[in-house]
């Protein structure tokens, strides 16, 4: 995870330097806020990865490893489900409520609640068979 952490931290540093140069020279707020957000999107996960890379043993991907060293138990993957789509649609309705009217919160929260309950129920019984 150390390589991923370095890449994200370098991206955060790049956007931080660009934001420090762009903000005082451009007299424009939108781009400066977006660059600051991009800097945070590099530093936050990069810092998290760096924190955990110092506390766990190196993975086979962190050094020159053969393909056999990286193989092993993969785990179980969930089956197909409609509930992530419903969650996205519910979130979309909640965002649309900001623009078009507060009444869209009702179907939005209903879809989000349905997706949470259905996804939880489906994960507990093992998905579709």
N, C-alpha and C. Protein backbone atom coordinates (compact mmCIF):
# COMPACT_ATOMS: atom_id res chain seq x y z
N UNK A 1 0.81 -1.19 0.00
CA UNK A 1 0.00 0.00 0.00
C UNK A 1 0.86 1.25 0.00
N UNK A 2 2.13 1.07 0.17
CA UNK A 2 3.00 2.23 0.22
C UNK A 2 3.07 2.94 -1.14
N UNK A 3 3.02 2.18 -2.22
CA UNK A 3 3.09 2.78 -3.55
C UNK A 3 1.83 3.60 -3.81
N UNK A 4 0.67 3.05 -3.48
CA UNK A 4 -0.58 3.78 -3.67
C UNK A 4 -0.60 5.05 -2.82
N UNK A 5 -0.09 4.95 -1.60
CA UNK A 5 -0.03 6.12 -0.73
C UNK A 5 0.86 7.20 -1.31
N UNK A 6 2.01 6.82 -1.84
CA UNK A 6 2.91 7.82 -2.45
C UNK A 6 2.27 8.50 -3.65
N UNK A 7 1.60 7.73 -4.48
CA UNK A 7 0.97 8.32 -5.67
C UNK A 7 -0.10 9.33 -5.25
N UNK A 8 -0.95 8.96 -4.31
CA UNK A 8 -2.01 9.87 -3.88
C UNK A 8 -1.46 11.08 -3.14
N UNK A 9 -0.44 10.89 -2.32
CA UNK A 9 0.15 12.03 -1.63
C UNK A 9 0.85 12.98 -2.60
N UNK A 10 1.49 12.43 -3.63
CA UNK A 10 2.11 13.30 -4.65
C UNK A 10 1.05 14.06 -5.45
N UNK A 11 -0.08 13.41 -5.74
CA UNK A 11 -1.16 14.12 -6.41
C UNK A 11 -1.72 15.24 -5.54
N UNK A 12 -1.88 14.96 -4.26
CA UNK A 12 -2.34 15.99 -3.34
C UNK A 12 -1.36 17.15 -3.25
N UNK A 13 -0.06 16.84 -3.22
CA UNK A 13 0.95 17.89 -3.19
C UNK A 13 0.93 18.71 -4.48
N UNK A 14 0.80 18.05 -5.61
CA UNK A 14 0.73 18.76 -6.89
C UNK A 14 -0.45 19.73 -6.92
N UNK A 15 -1.64 19.24 -6.56
CA UNK A 15 -2.81 20.12 -6.58
C UNK A 15 -2.72 21.20 -5.50
N UNK A 16 -2.06 20.92 -4.39
CA UNK A 16 -1.86 21.94 -3.37
C UNK A 16 -0.96 23.07 -3.87
N UNK A 17 0.11 22.72 -4.56
CA UNK A 17 1.00 23.74 -5.12
C UNK A 17 0.28 24.53 -6.21
N UNK A 18 -0.47 23.81 -7.07
CA UNK A 18 -1.21 24.51 -8.12
C UNK A 18 -2.26 25.45 -7.54
N UNK A 19 -2.92 25.03 -6.46
CA UNK A 19 -3.92 25.88 -5.81
C UNK A 19 -3.26 27.11 -5.20
N UNK A 20 -2.07 26.92 -4.59
CA UNK A 20 -1.36 28.06 -3.98
C UNK A 20 -0.91 29.07 -5.03
N UNK A 21 -0.63 28.59 -6.23
CA UNK A 21 -0.23 29.51 -7.31
C UNK A 21 -1.45 30.11 -7.99
N UNK A 22 -2.46 29.30 -8.21
CA UNK A 22 -3.63 29.74 -9.00
C UNK A 22 -4.51 30.73 -8.25
N UNK A 23 -4.72 30.48 -6.96
CA UNK A 23 -5.66 31.30 -6.20
C UNK A 23 -5.27 32.78 -6.17
N UNK A 24 -4.03 33.15 -5.81
CA UNK A 24 -3.74 34.58 -5.76
C UNK A 24 -3.56 35.23 -7.13
N UNK A 25 -3.24 34.44 -8.15
CA UNK A 25 -2.99 35.04 -9.46
C UNK A 25 -4.21 35.11 -10.35
N UNK A 26 -5.26 34.35 -10.07
CA UNK A 26 -6.38 34.28 -11.00
C UNK A 26 -7.55 35.18 -10.64
N UNK A 27 -7.68 35.55 -9.38
CA UNK A 27 -8.85 36.30 -8.91
C UNK A 27 -10.16 35.60 -9.27
N UNK A 28 -10.14 34.29 -9.19
CA UNK A 28 -11.31 33.48 -9.53
C UNK A 28 -11.46 32.41 -8.46
N UNK A 29 -12.66 32.31 -7.89
CA UNK A 29 -12.85 31.44 -6.73
C UNK A 29 -13.19 30.00 -7.09
N UNK A 30 -13.93 29.78 -8.17
CA UNK A 30 -14.40 28.44 -8.50
C UNK A 30 -13.28 27.45 -8.74
N UNK A 31 -12.32 27.83 -9.56
CA UNK A 31 -11.20 26.94 -9.85
C UNK A 31 -10.34 26.68 -8.62
N UNK A 32 -10.19 27.71 -7.78
CA UNK A 32 -9.39 27.55 -6.56
C UNK A 32 -10.05 26.55 -5.62
N UNK A 33 -11.37 26.63 -5.48
CA UNK A 33 -12.07 25.69 -4.60
C UNK A 33 -11.98 24.28 -5.17
N UNK A 34 -12.09 24.13 -6.48
CA UNK A 34 -11.98 22.79 -7.08
C UNK A 34 -10.58 22.22 -6.91
N UNK A 35 -9.55 23.06 -7.06
CA UNK A 35 -8.19 22.56 -6.84
C UNK A 35 -7.95 22.21 -5.39
N UNK A 36 -8.53 22.97 -4.48
CA UNK A 36 -8.41 22.64 -3.06
C UNK A 36 -9.10 21.30 -2.78
N UNK A 37 -10.26 21.08 -3.39
CA UNK A 37 -10.94 19.80 -3.24
C UNK A 37 -10.13 18.65 -3.83
N UNK A 38 -9.48 18.88 -4.98
CA UNK A 38 -8.64 17.85 -5.57
C UNK A 38 -7.44 17.56 -4.68
N UNK A 39 -6.92 18.60 -4.03
CA UNK A 39 -5.82 18.39 -3.09
C UNK A 39 -6.27 17.50 -1.93
N UNK A 40 -7.47 17.77 -1.40
CA UNK A 40 -7.99 16.94 -0.32
C UNK A 40 -8.24 15.51 -0.78
N UNK A 41 -8.71 15.35 -2.03
CA UNK A 41 -8.95 14.00 -2.56
C UNK A 41 -7.65 13.23 -2.76
N UNK A 42 -6.52 13.90 -2.79
CA UNK A 42 -5.24 13.20 -2.81
C UNK A 42 -4.72 12.93 -1.42
N UNK A 43 -4.82 13.95 -0.54
CA UNK A 43 -4.24 13.83 0.80
C UNK A 43 -5.03 12.91 1.73
N UNK A 44 -6.35 12.93 1.68
CA UNK A 44 -7.13 12.14 2.62
C UNK A 44 -6.94 10.64 2.42
N UNK A 45 -7.20 10.08 1.22
CA UNK A 45 -6.94 8.64 1.09
C UNK A 45 -5.46 8.30 1.11
N UNK A 46 -4.61 9.22 0.62
CA UNK A 46 -3.18 8.97 0.65
C UNK A 46 -2.65 8.87 2.06
N UNK A 47 -3.12 9.76 2.94
CA UNK A 47 -2.73 9.70 4.34
C UNK A 47 -3.23 8.43 5.02
N UNK A 48 -4.45 8.03 4.67
CA UNK A 48 -5.02 6.80 5.24
C UNK A 48 -4.20 5.58 4.78
N UNK A 49 -3.88 5.51 3.51
CA UNK A 49 -3.07 4.39 3.01
C UNK A 49 -1.69 4.39 3.64
N UNK A 50 -1.11 5.58 3.78
CA UNK A 50 0.23 5.65 4.39
C UNK A 50 0.17 5.20 5.85
N UNK A 51 -0.86 5.60 6.56
CA UNK A 51 -1.04 5.18 7.96
C UNK A 51 -1.08 3.66 8.06
N UNK A 52 -1.84 3.01 7.20
CA UNK A 52 -1.96 1.56 7.28
C UNK A 52 -0.76 0.84 6.68
N UNK A 53 -0.07 1.44 5.74
CA UNK A 53 1.09 0.77 5.14
C UNK A 53 2.22 0.65 6.16
N UNK A 54 2.27 1.53 7.14
CA UNK A 54 3.31 1.46 8.16
C UNK A 54 2.95 0.46 9.25
N UNK A 55 1.70 0.01 9.31
CA UNK A 55 1.27 -0.89 10.38
C UNK A 55 1.03 -2.33 9.92
N UNK A 56 1.12 -2.59 8.64
CA UNK A 56 0.89 -3.95 8.17
C UNK A 56 2.13 -4.46 7.44
N UNK A 57 2.24 -5.77 7.36
CA UNK A 57 3.40 -6.35 6.69
C UNK A 57 3.29 -6.10 5.19
N UNK A 58 4.39 -6.06 4.49
CA UNK A 58 4.34 -5.79 3.04
C UNK A 58 3.59 -6.88 2.29
N UNK A 59 2.83 -6.45 1.30
CA UNK A 59 2.10 -7.38 0.45
C UNK A 59 3.03 -7.88 -0.65
N UNK A 60 2.66 -8.96 -1.34
CA UNK A 60 3.48 -9.39 -2.47
C UNK A 60 3.56 -8.32 -3.57
N UNK A 61 2.52 -7.48 -3.70
CA UNK A 61 2.53 -6.44 -4.73
C UNK A 61 3.52 -5.33 -4.42
N UNK A 62 3.94 -5.22 -3.15
CA UNK A 62 4.84 -4.15 -2.75
C UNK A 62 6.29 -4.43 -3.12
N UNK A 63 6.57 -5.63 -3.55
CA UNK A 63 7.93 -5.98 -3.99
C UNK A 63 7.81 -6.77 -5.29
N UNK A 64 8.92 -7.17 -5.84
CA UNK A 64 8.89 -7.97 -7.06
C UNK A 64 8.52 -9.40 -6.70
N UNK A 65 7.27 -9.74 -6.92
CA UNK A 65 6.77 -11.06 -6.54
C UNK A 65 6.31 -11.80 -7.79
N UNK A 66 6.27 -13.11 -7.67
CA UNK A 66 5.75 -13.92 -8.77
C UNK A 66 4.23 -13.99 -8.66
N UNK A 67 3.62 -14.47 -9.70
CA UNK A 67 2.17 -14.57 -9.71
C UNK A 67 1.68 -15.58 -8.68
N UNK A 68 2.45 -16.63 -8.44
CA UNK A 68 2.05 -17.65 -7.47
C UNK A 68 2.02 -17.10 -6.05
N UNK A 69 2.90 -16.15 -5.75
CA UNK A 69 2.93 -15.59 -4.39
C UNK A 69 1.67 -14.76 -4.08
N UNK A 70 1.09 -14.19 -5.11
CA UNK A 70 -0.09 -13.37 -4.90
C UNK A 70 -1.39 -14.16 -4.90
N UNK A 71 -1.32 -15.44 -5.27
CA UNK A 71 -2.55 -16.23 -5.32
C UNK A 71 -2.93 -16.69 -3.93
N UNK A 72 -4.16 -17.12 -3.81
CA UNK A 72 -4.65 -17.58 -2.53
C UNK A 72 -6.15 -17.46 -2.48
N UNK A 73 -6.69 -17.48 -1.29
CA UNK A 73 -8.12 -17.41 -1.09
C UNK A 73 -8.62 -16.03 -1.49
N UNK A 74 -9.61 -16.00 -2.35
CA UNK A 74 -10.15 -14.74 -2.84
C UNK A 74 -11.35 -14.32 -2.02
N UNK A 75 -12.23 -15.21 -1.70
CA UNK A 75 -13.40 -14.87 -0.91
C UNK A 75 -14.66 -14.98 -1.75
N UNK A 76 -15.74 -14.59 -1.17
CA UNK A 76 -17.03 -14.67 -1.84
C UNK A 76 -17.41 -13.29 -2.37
N UNK A 77 -17.99 -13.27 -3.54
CA UNK A 77 -18.45 -12.04 -4.14
C UNK A 77 -19.97 -12.03 -4.17
N UNK A 78 -20.58 -10.87 -3.97
CA UNK A 78 -22.04 -10.82 -3.98
C UNK A 78 -22.58 -11.05 -5.38
N UNK A 79 -23.80 -11.55 -5.44
CA UNK A 79 -24.45 -11.75 -6.73
C UNK A 79 -25.05 -10.42 -7.20
N UNK A 80 -25.66 -10.44 -8.37
CA UNK A 80 -26.25 -9.22 -8.90
C UNK A 80 -27.42 -8.79 -8.03
N UNK A 81 -27.63 -7.48 -7.99
CA UNK A 81 -28.67 -6.94 -7.13
C UNK A 81 -29.18 -5.62 -7.71
N UNK A 82 -30.42 -5.32 -7.47
CA UNK A 82 -31.03 -4.08 -7.91
C UNK A 82 -30.84 -2.97 -6.88
N UNK A 83 -30.45 -3.32 -5.66
CA UNK A 83 -30.45 -2.35 -4.57
C UNK A 83 -29.39 -1.24 -4.70
N UNK A 84 -28.21 -1.47 -5.26
CA UNK A 84 -27.32 -0.33 -5.48
C UNK A 84 -27.91 0.69 -6.46
N UNK A 85 -28.61 0.22 -7.48
CA UNK A 85 -29.28 1.12 -8.41
C UNK A 85 -30.36 1.93 -7.70
N UNK A 86 -31.16 1.26 -6.85
CA UNK A 86 -32.20 1.96 -6.10
C UNK A 86 -31.60 2.99 -5.15
N UNK A 87 -30.48 2.67 -4.54
CA UNK A 87 -29.82 3.62 -3.66
C UNK A 87 -29.35 4.84 -4.44
N UNK A 88 -28.79 4.62 -5.62
CA UNK A 88 -28.37 5.74 -6.46
C UNK A 88 -29.53 6.60 -6.92
N UNK A 89 -30.63 5.96 -7.29
CA UNK A 89 -31.80 6.72 -7.71
C UNK A 89 -32.39 7.51 -6.55
N UNK A 90 -32.41 6.92 -5.36
CA UNK A 90 -32.90 7.63 -4.19
C UNK A 90 -32.04 8.84 -3.86
N UNK A 91 -30.73 8.66 -3.94
CA UNK A 91 -29.82 9.78 -3.70
C UNK A 91 -30.01 10.86 -4.76
N UNK A 92 -30.25 10.45 -6.00
CA UNK A 92 -30.48 11.41 -7.08
C UNK A 92 -31.76 12.22 -6.82
N UNK A 93 -32.80 11.57 -6.35
CA UNK A 93 -34.03 12.29 -6.02
C UNK A 93 -33.80 13.27 -4.86
N UNK A 94 -32.99 12.88 -3.89
CA UNK A 94 -32.70 13.79 -2.78
C UNK A 94 -31.96 15.02 -3.29
N UNK A 95 -31.01 14.83 -4.21
CA UNK A 95 -30.30 15.97 -4.79
C UNK A 95 -31.24 16.82 -5.63
N UNK A 96 -32.12 16.18 -6.39
CA UNK A 96 -33.08 16.94 -7.19
C UNK A 96 -34.04 17.75 -6.33
N UNK A 97 -34.27 17.32 -5.10
CA UNK A 97 -35.14 18.07 -4.20
C UNK A 97 -34.57 19.45 -3.90
N UNK A 98 -33.26 19.58 -3.93
CA UNK A 98 -32.64 20.88 -3.71
C UNK A 98 -32.99 21.83 -4.85
N UNK A 99 -33.10 21.30 -6.06
CA UNK A 99 -33.31 22.14 -7.24
C UNK A 99 -34.80 22.34 -7.53
N UNK A 100 -35.57 21.26 -7.54
CA UNK A 100 -36.94 21.33 -8.05
C UNK A 100 -38.02 21.40 -6.98
N UNK A 101 -37.71 21.07 -5.76
CA UNK A 101 -38.72 21.19 -4.73
C UNK A 101 -38.55 20.14 -3.65
N UNK A 102 -38.97 20.53 -2.48
CA UNK A 102 -38.79 19.69 -1.30
C UNK A 102 -39.63 18.41 -1.37
N UNK A 103 -40.67 18.40 -2.20
CA UNK A 103 -41.55 17.23 -2.30
C UNK A 103 -40.81 16.01 -2.85
N UNK A 104 -39.70 16.21 -3.56
CA UNK A 104 -38.93 15.08 -4.09
C UNK A 104 -38.17 14.33 -3.00
N UNK A 105 -38.11 14.89 -1.80
CA UNK A 105 -37.47 14.17 -0.70
C UNK A 105 -38.25 12.91 -0.32
N UNK A 106 -39.57 12.95 -0.50
CA UNK A 106 -40.40 11.80 -0.11
C UNK A 106 -40.05 10.55 -0.93
N UNK A 107 -40.09 10.61 -2.28
CA UNK A 107 -39.68 9.40 -3.01
C UNK A 107 -38.19 9.11 -2.87
N UNK A 108 -37.38 10.14 -2.69
CA UNK A 108 -35.95 9.92 -2.53
C UNK A 108 -35.62 9.14 -1.27
N UNK A 109 -36.18 9.59 -0.14
CA UNK A 109 -35.92 8.88 1.11
C UNK A 109 -36.58 7.51 1.12
N UNK A 110 -37.71 7.37 0.43
CA UNK A 110 -38.35 6.05 0.34
C UNK A 110 -37.46 5.07 -0.42
N UNK A 111 -36.87 5.51 -1.52
CA UNK A 111 -35.98 4.64 -2.29
C UNK A 111 -34.71 4.31 -1.51
N UNK A 112 -34.15 5.30 -0.83
CA UNK A 112 -32.94 5.05 -0.04
C UNK A 112 -33.24 4.05 1.08
N UNK A 113 -34.35 4.22 1.76
CA UNK A 113 -34.73 3.30 2.83
C UNK A 113 -34.97 1.89 2.29
N UNK A 114 -35.67 1.81 1.15
CA UNK A 114 -35.92 0.51 0.52
C UNK A 114 -34.61 -0.16 0.14
N UNK A 115 -33.66 0.61 -0.40
CA UNK A 115 -32.38 0.04 -0.81
C UNK A 115 -31.59 -0.45 0.40
N UNK A 116 -31.59 0.32 1.48
CA UNK A 116 -30.87 -0.12 2.68
C UNK A 116 -31.48 -1.38 3.28
N UNK A 117 -32.78 -1.40 3.40
CA UNK A 117 -33.43 -2.58 3.98
C UNK A 117 -33.27 -3.79 3.06
N UNK A 118 -33.52 -3.60 1.77
CA UNK A 118 -33.40 -4.71 0.83
C UNK A 118 -31.98 -5.22 0.70
N UNK A 119 -31.00 -4.32 0.65
CA UNK A 119 -29.60 -4.74 0.55
C UNK A 119 -29.13 -5.47 1.79
N UNK A 120 -29.56 -5.00 2.95
CA UNK A 120 -29.20 -5.68 4.19
C UNK A 120 -29.84 -7.06 4.26
N UNK A 121 -31.11 -7.13 3.90
CA UNK A 121 -31.81 -8.42 3.93
C UNK A 121 -31.19 -9.39 2.93
N UNK A 122 -30.86 -8.90 1.75
CA UNK A 122 -30.27 -9.77 0.74
C UNK A 122 -28.88 -10.25 1.14
N UNK A 123 -28.10 -9.39 1.78
CA UNK A 123 -26.75 -9.82 2.17
C UNK A 123 -26.80 -10.84 3.30
N UNK A 124 -27.83 -10.77 4.12
CA UNK A 124 -27.93 -11.73 5.23
C UNK A 124 -28.40 -13.10 4.78
N UNK A 125 -29.18 -13.15 3.69
CA UNK A 125 -29.65 -14.45 3.22
C UNK A 125 -28.81 -14.98 2.09
N UNK A 126 -27.80 -14.23 1.64
CA UNK A 126 -26.85 -14.74 0.66
C UNK A 126 -27.14 -14.35 -0.77
N UNK A 127 -27.99 -13.39 -1.02
CA UNK A 127 -28.24 -12.92 -2.37
C UNK A 127 -29.16 -13.84 -3.15
N UNK A 128 -29.26 -13.58 -4.46
CA UNK A 128 -30.12 -14.38 -5.32
C UNK A 128 -29.46 -15.72 -5.58
N UNK A 129 -30.28 -16.71 -5.79
CA UNK A 129 -29.73 -18.05 -6.06
C UNK A 129 -30.08 -18.49 -7.45
